[in-house]
Amino acid sequence: MKSLKKVEGINVVPLIDVMLVLLAIILTISSFIALGKIELTLPNGTTQTKVKQKSYDIAINNQREFFINSEKISKEEIPEKLLELNKEDIVSIRADKLTPYEEFVFIIDLLKQKGIEKIGMVVENGR
């Protein structure tokens, strides 16, 4: 009767092969992440369509008064005024620290309903 050969250790060569392949993949992908973008050469076109990007500043003071681009506006007029916005516009919101949170949420909700994604909150530098 033949006896089976006793295995004295684990064969690590296949493990090393797999680790080297994974290392190569990680190094390749990390070069794209480090650059932040993938380099592309885009083709030229004959027509240009450019949406004019506007910037809106919405301010709320502690008396619950609303201002759009420094122009005072009532809360009821805001949805109508925001009809001028398109998805490419940039909106910055400034609110007094004593302004009720519900007023801030009211503005954010209106902007989200319009599909506006470029919203910034203006704060003072606390240094």
Protein backbone atom coordinates (compact mmCIF):
# COMPACT_ATOMS: atom_id res chain seq x y z
CA MET A 1 0.00 0.00 0.00
CA LYS A 2 1.29 3.44 -0.91
CA SER A 3 1.32 6.15 1.64
CA LEU A 4 0.33 9.70 0.74
CA LYS A 5 3.02 12.32 0.73
CA LYS A 6 2.84 14.48 3.81
CA VAL A 7 2.43 18.20 3.07
CA GLU A 8 4.85 20.19 5.18
CA GLY A 9 3.70 23.72 4.23
CA ILE A 10 1.35 25.85 2.17
CA ASN A 11 2.29 26.68 -1.41
CA VAL A 12 2.32 30.50 -1.51
CA VAL A 13 3.29 30.93 -5.18
CA PRO A 14 -0.33 31.19 -6.43
CA LEU A 15 -1.06 33.70 -3.67
CA ILE A 16 1.90 35.84 -4.74
CA ASP A 17 0.72 35.72 -8.37
CA VAL A 18 -2.74 36.93 -7.43
CA MET A 19 -1.33 39.69 -5.23
CA LEU A 20 0.93 40.97 -8.05
CA VAL A 21 -2.02 41.14 -10.46
CA LEU A 22 -4.09 43.04 -7.87
CA LEU A 23 -1.18 45.40 -7.25
CA ALA A 24 -0.90 46.14 -10.98
CA ILE A 25 -4.65 46.88 -11.17
CA ILE A 26 -4.54 49.16 -8.14
CA LEU A 27 -1.56 51.11 -9.46
CA THR A 28 -3.27 51.60 -12.82
CA ILE A 29 -6.53 52.81 -11.29
CA SER A 30 -4.82 55.03 -8.73
CA SER A 31 -3.18 57.07 -11.49
CA PHE A 32 -6.66 58.09 -12.70
CA ILE A 33 -7.78 58.92 -9.16
CA ALA A 34 -4.64 60.98 -8.46
CA LEU A 35 -5.19 63.10 -11.57
CA GLY A 36 -8.85 63.54 -10.78
CA LYS A 37 -9.86 62.99 -14.37
CA ILE A 38 -9.32 60.87 -17.41
CA GLU A 39 -7.58 62.73 -20.23
CA LEU A 40 -9.77 63.00 -23.34
CA THR A 41 -9.36 64.78 -26.62
CA LEU A 42 -12.84 65.87 -27.60
CA PRO A 43 -13.93 66.24 -31.22
CA ASN A 44 -14.72 69.66 -32.64
CA GLY A 45 -18.27 70.71 -33.42
CA THR A 46 -19.61 73.39 -35.72
CA THR A 47 -22.39 74.73 -33.52
CA GLN A 48 -22.15 75.88 -29.97
CA THR A 49 -24.99 75.82 -27.53
CA LYS A 50 -24.17 77.52 -24.30
CA VAL A 51 -26.60 78.20 -21.51
CA LYS A 52 -25.88 81.51 -19.89
CA GLN A 53 -25.15 80.81 -16.27
CA LYS A 54 -26.57 83.29 -13.80
CA SER A 55 -25.75 83.74 -10.16
CA TYR A 56 -28.43 84.37 -7.55
CA ASP A 57 -27.91 85.53 -3.99
CA ILE A 58 -30.75 84.77 -1.59
CA ALA A 59 -30.55 86.37 1.85
CA ILE A 60 -32.79 85.90 4.89
CA ASN A 61 -32.49 88.21 7.88
CA ASN A 62 -33.59 87.55 11.45
CA GLN A 63 -36.93 89.35 10.87
CA ARG A 64 -37.83 86.68 8.24
CA GLU A 65 -37.39 89.15 5.37
CA PHE A 66 -36.19 87.69 2.06
CA PHE A 67 -33.87 89.32 -0.44
CA ILE A 68 -32.96 88.07 -3.91
CA ASN A 69 -29.90 89.84 -5.35
CA SER A 70 -30.30 92.57 -2.67
CA GLU A 71 -33.91 93.21 -3.72
CA LYS A 72 -36.48 92.76 -0.95
CA ILE A 73 -39.19 90.26 -1.85
CA SER A 74 -42.10 88.77 0.04
CA LYS A 75 -42.17 85.07 0.87
CA GLU A 76 -45.21 84.55 -1.37
CA GLU A 77 -43.41 86.04 -4.41
CA ILE A 78 -40.34 83.80 -4.11
CA PRO A 79 -41.70 80.77 -6.06
CA GLU A 80 -42.65 83.08 -8.94
CA LYS A 81 -39.23 84.78 -8.88
CA LEU A 82 -37.46 81.40 -8.93
CA LEU A 83 -39.19 80.51 -12.22
CA GLU A 84 -36.39 82.48 -13.91
CA LEU A 85 -33.82 79.94 -12.72
CA ASN A 86 -32.55 77.07 -14.83
CA LYS A 87 -30.57 74.02 -13.75
CA GLU A 88 -27.22 75.63 -14.65
CA ASP A 89 -27.65 78.66 -12.40
CA ILE A 90 -25.67 79.07 -9.19
CA VAL A 91 -27.53 80.02 -6.02
CA SER A 92 -25.90 81.19 -2.81
CA ILE A 93 -27.92 81.41 0.37
CA ARG A 94 -27.08 83.71 3.27
CA ALA A 95 -29.12 83.48 6.43
CA ASP A 96 -28.75 85.30 9.73
CA LYS A 97 -27.78 82.93 12.54
CA LEU A 98 -31.00 83.87 14.35
CA THR A 99 -33.17 83.08 11.31
CA PRO A 100 -35.57 80.21 11.99
CA TYR A 101 -34.44 77.00 10.33
CA GLU A 102 -37.82 76.57 8.63
CA GLU A 103 -37.15 79.62 6.42
CA PHE A 104 -33.86 78.15 5.25
CA VAL A 105 -35.55 74.80 4.52
CA PHE A 106 -38.31 76.63 2.63
CA ILE A 107 -35.75 78.09 0.20
CA ILE A 108 -33.84 74.80 -0.19
CA ASP A 109 -37.11 72.96 -0.87
CA LEU A 110 -38.10 75.42 -3.61
CA LEU A 111 -34.67 75.13 -5.24
CA LYS A 112 -34.75 71.32 -5.16
CA GLN A 113 -38.22 71.33 -6.74
CA LYS A 114 -36.75 73.38 -9.60
CA GLY A 115 -33.89 70.88 -9.95
CA ILE A 116 -31.21 73.38 -8.92
CA GLU A 117 -28.16 71.47 -7.69
CA LYS A 118 -25.54 74.24 -7.49
CA ILE A 119 -26.41 75.67 -4.08
CA GLY A 120 -23.91 77.30 -1.76
CA MET A 121 -24.30 78.40 1.83
CA VAL A 122 -22.42 81.59 2.69
CA VAL A 123 -20.79 81.75 6.13
CA GLU A 124 -18.24 83.98 7.81
CA ASN A 125 -14.70 82.80 8.35
CA GLY A 126 -14.52 81.96 12.05
CA ARG A 127 -10.78 82.62 12.50
